[in-house]
């Protein structure tokens, strides 16, 4: 099952400002997340099955996972870059 990836324009601007190597690493990791968001991410705080963290070496993405019969989607809520 592949989840649909969503991002709003403000977060897209942050993504676009990342160095090329960091953006490439994040892109590949997000592709894996779309295949199985629960295996590739960690819970954010209490595991509510909805808010997840994708933790990489230099960047963290906070994600909102929607997993209903009507929609399977991963929305990027925030990107934090440690550069």
PDB file of N, CA and C in Angstrom:
ATOM      1  N   UNK A   1       0.852  -1.169   0.000  1.00  0.00           N
ATOM      2  CA  UNK A   1       0.000   0.000   0.000  1.00  0.00           C
ATOM      3  C   UNK A   1       0.898   1.232   0.000  1.00  0.00           C
ATOM      4  N   UNK A   2       0.671   2.137  -0.918  1.00  0.00           N
ATOM      5  CA  UNK A   2       1.444   3.362  -0.986  1.00  0.00           C
ATOM      6  C   UNK A   2       0.608   4.534  -0.491  1.00  0.00           C
ATOM      7  N   UNK A   3       1.174   5.270   0.437  1.00  0.00           N
ATOM      8  CA  UNK A   3       0.521   6.454   0.982  1.00  0.00           C
ATOM      9  C   UNK A   3       0.841   7.657   0.089  1.00  0.00           C
ATOM     10  N   UNK A   4      -0.102   8.547  -0.019  1.00  0.00           N
ATOM     11  CA  UNK A   4       0.074   9.775  -0.787  1.00  0.00           C
ATOM     12  C   UNK A   4       0.829  10.792   0.073  1.00  0.00           C
ATOM     13  N   UNK A   5       1.800  11.494  -0.507  1.00  0.00           N
ATOM     14  CA  UNK A   5       2.579  12.491   0.219  1.00  0.00           C
ATOM     15  C   UNK A   5       1.985  13.876  -0.029  1.00  0.00           C
ATOM     16  N   UNK A   6       1.787  14.637   1.055  1.00  0.00           N
ATOM     17  CA  UNK A   6       1.240  15.985   0.959  1.00  0.00           C
ATOM     18  C   UNK A   6       2.173  16.958   1.672  1.00  0.00           C
ATOM     19  N   UNK A   7       2.262  18.172   1.126  1.00  0.00           N
ATOM     20  CA  UNK A   7       3.093  19.205   1.727  1.00  0.00           C
ATOM     21  C   UNK A   7       2.480  20.561   1.377  1.00  0.00           C
ATOM     22  N   UNK A   8       2.417  21.463   2.367  1.00  0.00           N
ATOM     23  CA  UNK A   8       1.858  22.782   2.074  1.00  0.00           C
ATOM     24  C   UNK A   8       2.979  23.713   1.592  1.00  0.00           C
ATOM     25  N   UNK A   9       2.625  24.842   0.997  1.00  0.00           N
ATOM     26  CA  UNK A   9       3.632  25.724   0.401  1.00  0.00           C
ATOM     27  C   UNK A   9       4.697  26.242   1.368  1.00  0.00           C
ATOM     28  N   UNK A  10       4.338  26.485   2.614  1.00  0.00           N
ATOM     29  CA  UNK A  10       5.326  26.984   3.585  1.00  0.00           C
ATOM     30  C   UNK A  10       6.382  25.918   3.869  1.00  0.00           C
ATOM     31  N   UNK A  11       5.954  24.689   4.081  1.00  0.00           N
ATOM     32  CA  UNK A  11       6.896  23.595   4.338  1.00  0.00           C
ATOM     33  C   UNK A  11       7.676  23.277   3.062  1.00  0.00           C
ATOM     34  N   UNK A  12       7.040  23.394   1.915  1.00  0.00           N
ATOM     35  CA  UNK A  12       7.729  23.182   0.637  1.00  0.00           C
ATOM     36  C   UNK A  12       8.882  24.178   0.476  1.00  0.00           C
ATOM     37  N   UNK A  13       8.683  25.402   0.929  1.00  0.00           N
ATOM     38  CA  UNK A  13       9.743  26.409   0.852  1.00  0.00           C
ATOM     39  C   UNK A  13      10.939  26.011   1.717  1.00  0.00           C
ATOM     40  N   UNK A  14      10.669  25.452   2.892  1.00  0.00           N
ATOM     41  CA  UNK A  14      11.755  24.958   3.754  1.00  0.00           C
ATOM     42  C   UNK A  14      12.484  23.822   3.052  1.00  0.00           C
ATOM     43  N   UNK A  15      11.730  22.897   2.499  1.00  0.00           N
ATOM     44  CA  UNK A  15      12.317  21.769   1.769  1.00  0.00           C
ATOM     45  C   UNK A  15      13.193  22.271   0.615  1.00  0.00           C
ATOM     46  N   UNK A  16      12.686  23.246  -0.126  1.00  0.00           N
ATOM     47  CA  UNK A  16      13.424  23.787  -1.273  1.00  0.00           C
ATOM     48  C   UNK A  16      14.711  24.492  -0.864  1.00  0.00           C
ATOM     49  N   UNK A  17      14.780  24.958   0.384  1.00  0.00           N
ATOM     50  CA  UNK A  17      15.975  25.669   0.855  1.00  0.00           C
ATOM     51  C   UNK A  17      17.054  24.731   1.404  1.00  0.00           C
ATOM     52  N   UNK A  18      16.750  23.445   1.512  1.00  0.00           N
ATOM     53  CA  UNK A  18      17.734  22.493   2.038  1.00  0.00           C
ATOM     54  C   UNK A  18      18.894  22.320   1.062  1.00  0.00           C
ATOM     55  N   UNK A  19      20.098  22.055   1.582  1.00  0.00           N
ATOM     56  CA  UNK A  19      21.211  21.717   0.683  1.00  0.00           C
ATOM     57  C   UNK A  19      20.845  20.479  -0.143  1.00  0.00           C
ATOM     58  N   UNK A  20      21.389  20.382  -1.337  1.00  0.00           N
ATOM     59  CA  UNK A  20      21.030  19.301  -2.260  1.00  0.00           C
ATOM     60  C   UNK A  20      21.197  17.912  -1.660  1.00  0.00           C
ATOM     61  N   UNK A  21      22.300  17.676  -0.938  1.00  0.00           N
ATOM     62  CA  UNK A  21      22.521  16.342  -0.380  1.00  0.00           C
ATOM     63  C   UNK A  21      21.492  15.999   0.692  1.00  0.00           C
ATOM     64  N   UNK A  22      21.115  16.974   1.499  1.00  0.00           N
ATOM     65  CA  UNK A  22      20.118  16.755   2.548  1.00  0.00           C
ATOM     66  C   UNK A  22      18.742  16.534   1.918  1.00  0.00           C
ATOM     67  N   UNK A  23      18.415  17.332   0.911  1.00  0.00           N
ATOM     68  CA  UNK A  23      17.130  17.184   0.222  1.00  0.00           C
ATOM     69  C   UNK A  23      17.025  15.817  -0.443  1.00  0.00           C
ATOM     70  N   UNK A  24      18.114  15.356  -1.040  1.00  0.00           N
ATOM     71  CA  UNK A  24      18.104  14.032  -1.682  1.00  0.00           C
ATOM     72  C   UNK A  24      17.896  12.925  -0.670  1.00  0.00           C
ATOM     73  N   UNK A  25      18.588  13.019   0.456  1.00  0.00           N
ATOM     74  CA  UNK A  25      18.425  12.016   1.519  1.00  0.00           C
ATOM     75  C   UNK A  25      16.996  12.023   2.040  1.00  0.00           C
ATOM     76  N   UNK A  26      16.446  13.203   2.250  1.00  0.00           N
ATOM     77  CA  UNK A  26      15.067  13.319   2.736  1.00  0.00           C
ATOM     78  C   UNK A  26      14.086  12.766   1.711  1.00  0.00           C
ATOM     79  N   UNK A  27      14.292  13.058   0.452  1.00  0.00           N
ATOM     80  CA  UNK A  27      13.408  12.562  -0.608  1.00  0.00           C
ATOM     81  C   UNK A  27      13.374  11.031  -0.628  1.00  0.00           C
ATOM     82  N   UNK A  28      14.532  10.413  -0.561  1.00  0.00           N
ATOM     83  CA  UNK A  28      14.591   8.943  -0.565  1.00  0.00           C
ATOM     84  C   UNK A  28      13.914   8.360   0.673  1.00  0.00           C
ATOM     85  N   UNK A  29      14.137   8.978   1.820  1.00  0.00           N
ATOM     86  CA  UNK A  29      13.511   8.497   3.053  1.00  0.00           C
ATOM     87  C   UNK A  29      11.989   8.665   2.995  1.00  0.00           C
ATOM     88  N   UNK A  30      11.517   9.776   2.440  1.00  0.00           N
ATOM     89  CA  UNK A  30      10.072   9.990   2.321  1.00  0.00           C
ATOM     90  C   UNK A  30       9.436   8.984   1.375  1.00  0.00           C
ATOM     91  N   UNK A  31      10.157   8.566   0.357  1.00  0.00           N
ATOM     92  CA  UNK A  31       9.647   7.513  -0.529  1.00  0.00           C
ATOM     93  C   UNK A  31       9.444   6.215   0.247  1.00  0.00           C
ATOM     94  N   UNK A  32      10.382   5.897   1.131  1.00  0.00           N
ATOM     95  CA  UNK A  32      10.238   4.715   1.984  1.00  0.00           C
ATOM     96  C   UNK A  32       9.069   4.881   2.944  1.00  0.00           C
ATOM     97  N   UNK A  33       8.899   6.088   3.478  1.00  0.00           N
ATOM     98  CA  UNK A  33       7.784   6.367   4.390  1.00  0.00           C
ATOM     99  C   UNK A  33       6.451   6.145   3.689  1.00  0.00           C
ATOM    100  N   UNK A  34       6.363   6.545   2.443  1.00  0.00           N
ATOM    101  CA  UNK A  34       5.105   6.371   1.705  1.00  0.00           C
ATOM    102  C   UNK A  34       4.770   4.902   1.490  1.00  0.00           C
ATOM    103  N   UNK A  35       5.775   4.042   1.481  1.00  0.00           N
ATOM    104  CA  UNK A  35       5.513   2.597   1.378  1.00  0.00           C
ATOM    105  C   UNK A  35       5.045   2.011   2.700  1.00  0.00           C
ATOM    106  N   UNK A  36       5.630   2.473   3.816  1.00  0.00           N
ATOM    107  CA  UNK A  36       5.250   1.961   5.139  1.00  0.00           C
ATOM    108  C   UNK A  36       5.619   2.995   6.203  1.00  0.00           C
ATOM    109  N   UNK A  37       4.717   3.949   6.472  1.00  0.00           N
ATOM    110  CA  UNK A  37       5.064   5.048   7.378  1.00  0.00           C
ATOM    111  C   UNK A  37       5.342   4.627   8.814  1.00  0.00           C
ATOM    112  N   UNK A  38       4.806   3.522   9.240  1.00  0.00           N
ATOM    113  CA  UNK A  38       4.986   3.122  10.635  1.00  0.00           C
ATOM    114  C   UNK A  38       6.295   2.371  10.852  1.00  0.00           C
ATOM    115  N   UNK A  39       6.798   1.727   9.827  1.00  0.00           N
ATOM    116  CA  UNK A  39       8.067   1.012   9.951  1.00  0.00           C
ATOM    117  C   UNK A  39       9.256   1.965   9.859  1.00  0.00           C
ATOM    118  N   UNK A  40       9.124   3.052   9.105  1.00  0.00           N
ATOM    119  CA  UNK A  40      10.253   3.939   8.822  1.00  0.00           C
ATOM    120  C   UNK A  40      10.337   5.133   9.770  1.00  0.00           C
ATOM    121  N   UNK A  41       9.292   5.369  10.567  1.00  0.00           N
ATOM    122  CA  UNK A  41       9.247   6.551  11.433  1.00  0.00           C
ATOM    123  C   UNK A  41       9.117   6.155  12.896  1.00  0.00           C
ATOM    124  N   UNK A  42       9.286   7.149  13.753  1.00  0.00           N
ATOM    125  CA  UNK A  42       9.132   6.963  15.197  1.00  0.00           C
ATOM    126  C   UNK A  42       7.917   7.747  15.671  1.00  0.00           C
ATOM    127  N   UNK A  43       7.265   7.270  16.734  1.00  0.00           N
ATOM    128  CA  UNK A  43       6.144   8.055  17.277  1.00  0.00           C
ATOM    129  C   UNK A  43       6.633   9.391  17.809  1.00  0.00           C
ATOM    130  N   UNK A  44       5.779  10.376  17.732  1.00  0.00           N
ATOM    131  CA  UNK A  44       6.055  11.681  18.317  1.00  0.00           C
ATOM    132  C   UNK A  44       5.329  11.724  19.651  1.00  0.00           C
ATOM    133  N   UNK A  45       6.086  11.650  20.737  1.00  0.00           N
ATOM    134  CA  UNK A  45       5.465  11.616  22.067  1.00  0.00           C
ATOM    135  C   UNK A  45       4.731  10.308  22.274  1.00  0.00           C
ATOM    136  N   UNK A  46       3.515  10.393  22.766  1.00  0.00           N
ATOM    137  CA  UNK A  46       2.683   9.210  22.968  1.00  0.00           C
ATOM    138  C   UNK A  46       2.311   8.667  21.591  1.00  0.00           C
ATOM    139  N   UNK A  47       2.438   7.364  21.407  1.00  0.00           N
ATOM    140  CA  UNK A  47       2.170   6.773  20.104  1.00  0.00           C
ATOM    141  C   UNK A  47       0.675   6.755  19.822  1.00  0.00           C
ATOM    142  N   UNK A  48       0.209   7.801  19.134  1.00  0.00           N
ATOM    143  CA  UNK A  48      -1.207   7.891  18.791  1.00  0.00           C
ATOM    144  C   UNK A  48      -1.480   7.308  17.408  1.00  0.00           C
ATOM    145  N   UNK A  49      -0.412   6.831  16.731  1.00  0.00           N
ATOM    146  CA  UNK A  49      -0.572   6.251  15.414  1.00  0.00           C
ATOM    147  C   UNK A  49      -0.818   7.286  14.330  1.00  0.00           C
ATOM    148  N   UNK A  50      -0.687   8.557  14.672  1.00  0.00           N
ATOM    149  CA  UNK A  50      -0.979   9.622  13.717  1.00  0.00           C
ATOM    150  C   UNK A  50       0.228  10.531  13.506  1.00  0.00           C
ATOM    151  N   UNK A  51       0.806  11.058  14.579  1.00  0.00           N
ATOM    152  CA  UNK A  51       1.928  11.982  14.473  1.00  0.00           C
ATOM    153  C   UNK A  51       3.230  11.192  14.604  1.00  0.00           C
ATOM    154  N   UNK A  52       4.091  11.338  13.594  1.00  0.00           N
ATOM    155  CA  UNK A  52       5.310  10.539  13.521  1.00  0.00           C
ATOM    156  C   UNK A  52       6.507  11.437  13.218  1.00  0.00           C
ATOM    157  N   UNK A  53       7.703  10.955  13.528  1.00  0.00           N
ATOM    158  CA  UNK A  53       8.943  11.659  13.214  1.00  0.00           C
ATOM    159  C   UNK A  53       9.800  10.812  12.285  1.00  0.00           C
ATOM    160  N   UNK A  54      10.291  11.433  11.259  1.00  0.00           N
ATOM    161  CA  UNK A  54      11.290  10.829  10.392  1.00  0.00           C
ATOM    162  C   UNK A  54      12.614  11.476  10.785  1.00  0.00           C
ATOM    163  N   UNK A  55      13.469  10.709  11.426  1.00  0.00           N
ATOM    164  CA  UNK A  55      14.716  11.244  11.977  1.00  0.00           C
ATOM    165  C   UNK A  55      15.886  10.768  11.123  1.00  0.00           C
ATOM    166  N   UNK A  56      16.564  11.723  10.507  1.00  0.00           N
ATOM    167  CA  UNK A  56      17.746  11.447   9.694  1.00  0.00           C
ATOM    168  C   UNK A  56      18.944  12.151  10.322  1.00  0.00           C
ATOM    169  N   UNK A  57      20.123  12.001   9.732  1.00  0.00           N
ATOM    170  CA  UNK A  57      21.335  12.574  10.326  1.00  0.00           C
ATOM    171  C   UNK A  57      21.260  14.082  10.525  1.00  0.00           C
ATOM    172  N   UNK A  58      20.799  14.818   9.519  1.00  0.00           N
ATOM    173  CA  UNK A  58      20.840  16.284   9.596  1.00  0.00           C
ATOM    174  C   UNK A  58      19.481  16.945   9.487  1.00  0.00           C
ATOM    175  N   UNK A  59      18.440  16.136   9.399  1.00  0.00           N
ATOM    176  CA  UNK A  59      17.106  16.713   9.218  1.00  0.00           C
ATOM    177  C   UNK A  59      16.062  15.814   9.895  1.00  0.00           C
ATOM    178  N   UNK A  60      15.044  16.459  10.436  1.00  0.00           N
ATOM    179  CA  UNK A  60      13.913  15.750  11.052  1.00  0.00           C
ATOM    180  C   UNK A  60      12.643  16.272  10.401  1.00  0.00           C
ATOM    181  N   UNK A  61      11.764  15.362  10.040  1.00  0.00           N
ATOM    182  CA  UNK A  61      10.469  15.760   9.490  1.00  0.00           C
ATOM    183  C   UNK A  61       9.368  15.258  10.415  1.00  0.00           C
ATOM    184  N   UNK A  62       8.481  16.161  10.814  1.00  0.00           N
ATOM    185  CA  UNK A  62       7.308  15.780  11.586  1.00  0.00           C
ATOM    186  C   UNK A  62       6.188  15.495  10.588  1.00  0.00           C
ATOM    187  N   UNK A  63       5.556  14.353  10.750  1.00  0.00           N
ATOM    188  CA  UNK A  63       4.575  13.885   9.784  1.00  0.00           C
ATOM    189  C   UNK A  63       3.237  13.600  10.437  1.00  0.00           C
ATOM    190  N   UNK A  64       2.185  13.764   9.683  1.00  0.00           N
ATOM    191  CA  UNK A  64       0.840  13.392  10.103  1.00  0.00           C
ATOM    192  C   UNK A  64       0.387  12.280   9.171  1.00  0.00           C
ATOM    193  N   UNK A  65       0.090  11.113   9.730  1.00  0.00           N
ATOM    194  CA  UNK A  65      -0.301   9.957   8.932  1.00  0.00           C
ATOM    195  C   UNK A  65      -1.808   9.763   9.024  1.00  0.00           C
ATOM    196  N   UNK A  66      -2.447   9.723   7.869  1.00  0.00           N
ATOM    197  CA  UNK A  66      -3.871   9.421   7.789  1.00  0.00           C
ATOM    198  C   UNK A  66      -3.999   8.041   7.167  1.00  0.00           C
ATOM    199  N   UNK A  67      -4.619   7.132   7.901  1.00  0.00           N
ATOM    200  CA  UNK A  67      -4.754   5.760   7.422  1.00  0.00           C
ATOM    201  C   UNK A  67      -6.195   5.311   7.624  1.00  0.00           C
ATOM    202  N   UNK A  68      -7.048   5.712   6.695  1.00  0.00           N
ATOM    203  CA  UNK A  68      -8.454   5.329   6.734  1.00  0.00           C
ATOM    204  C   UNK A  68      -8.795   4.640   5.423  1.00  0.00           C
ATOM    205  N   UNK A  69      -9.934   3.950   5.371  1.00  0.00           N
ATOM    206  CA  UNK A  69     -10.320   3.337   4.096  1.00  0.00           C
ATOM    207  C   UNK A  69     -10.454   4.362   2.965  1.00  0.00           C
ATOM    208  N   UNK A  70     -10.825   5.586   3.303  1.00  0.00           N
ATOM    209  CA  UNK A  70     -11.013   6.616   2.283  1.00  0.00           C
ATOM    210  C   UNK A  70      -9.708   7.279   1.856  1.00  0.00           C
ATOM    211  N   UNK A  71      -8.697   7.273   2.746  1.00  0.00           N
ATOM    212  CA  UNK A  71      -7.461   7.984   2.420  1.00  0.00           C
ATOM    213  C   UNK A  71      -6.271   7.421   3.185  1.00  0.00           C
ATOM    214  N   UNK A  72      -5.193   7.191   2.453  1.00  0.00           N
ATOM    215  CA  UNK A  72      -3.910   6.876   3.056  1.00  0.00           C
ATOM    216  C   UNK A  72      -2.963   7.978   2.609  1.00  0.00           C
ATOM    217  N   UNK A  73      -2.559   8.821   3.565  1.00  0.00           N
ATOM    218  CA  UNK A  73      -1.723   9.972   3.219  1.00  0.00           C
ATOM    219  C   UNK A  73      -0.726  10.264   4.332  1.00  0.00           C
ATOM    220  N   UNK A  74       0.394  10.839   3.936  1.00  0.00           N
ATOM    221  CA  UNK A  74       1.407  11.333   4.854  1.00  0.00           C
ATOM    222  C   UNK A  74       1.574  12.818   4.539  1.00  0.00           C
ATOM    223  N   UNK A  75       1.310  13.665   5.533  1.00  0.00           N
ATOM    224  CA  UNK A  75       1.471  15.109   5.362  1.00  0.00           C
ATOM    225  C   UNK A  75       2.701  15.545   6.149  1.00  0.00           C
ATOM    226  N   UNK A  76       3.587  16.278   5.496  1.00  0.00           N
ATOM    227  CA  UNK A  76       4.755  16.830   6.174  1.00  0.00           C
ATOM    228  C   UNK A  76       4.308  18.094   6.896  1.00  0.00           C
ATOM    229  N   UNK A  77       4.386  18.071   8.224  1.00  0.00           N
ATOM    230  CA  UNK A  77       3.976  19.220   9.026  1.00  0.00           C
ATOM    231  C   UNK A  77       5.106  20.215   9.245  1.00  0.00           C
ATOM    232  N   UNK A  78       6.320  19.679   9.407  1.00  0.00           N
ATOM    233  CA  UNK A  78       7.454  20.540   9.737  1.00  0.00           C
ATOM    234  C   UNK A  78       8.735  19.847   9.323  1.00  0.00           C
ATOM    235  N   UNK A  79       9.695  20.634   8.884  1.00  0.00           N
ATOM    236  CA  UNK A  79      11.040  20.138   8.581  1.00  0.00           C
ATOM    237  C   UNK A  79      12.012  20.959   9.406  1.00  0.00           C
ATOM    238  N   UNK A  80      12.878  20.251  10.146  1.00  0.00           N
ATOM    239  CA  UNK A  80      13.894  20.912  10.962  1.00  0.00           C
ATOM    240  C   UNK A  80      15.251  20.458  10.469  1.00  0.00           C
ATOM    241  N   UNK A  81      16.055  21.419  10.048  1.00  0.00           N
ATOM    242  CA  UNK A  81      17.378  21.130   9.504  1.00  0.00           C
ATOM    243  C   UNK A  81      18.447  21.588  10.481  1.00  0.00           C
ATOM    244  N   UNK A  82      19.397  20.702  10.767  1.00  0.00           N
ATOM    245  CA  UNK A  82      20.503  21.026  11.668  1.00  0.00           C
ATOM    246  C   UNK A  82      21.763  21.170  10.827  1.00  0.00           C
ATOM    247  N   UNK A  83      21.962  22.343  10.308  1.00  0.00           N
ATOM    248  CA  UNK A  83      23.090  22.531   9.405  1.00  0.00           C
ATOM    249  C   UNK A  83      23.981  23.534   9.892  1.00  0.00           C
TER     250      UNK A  83
END
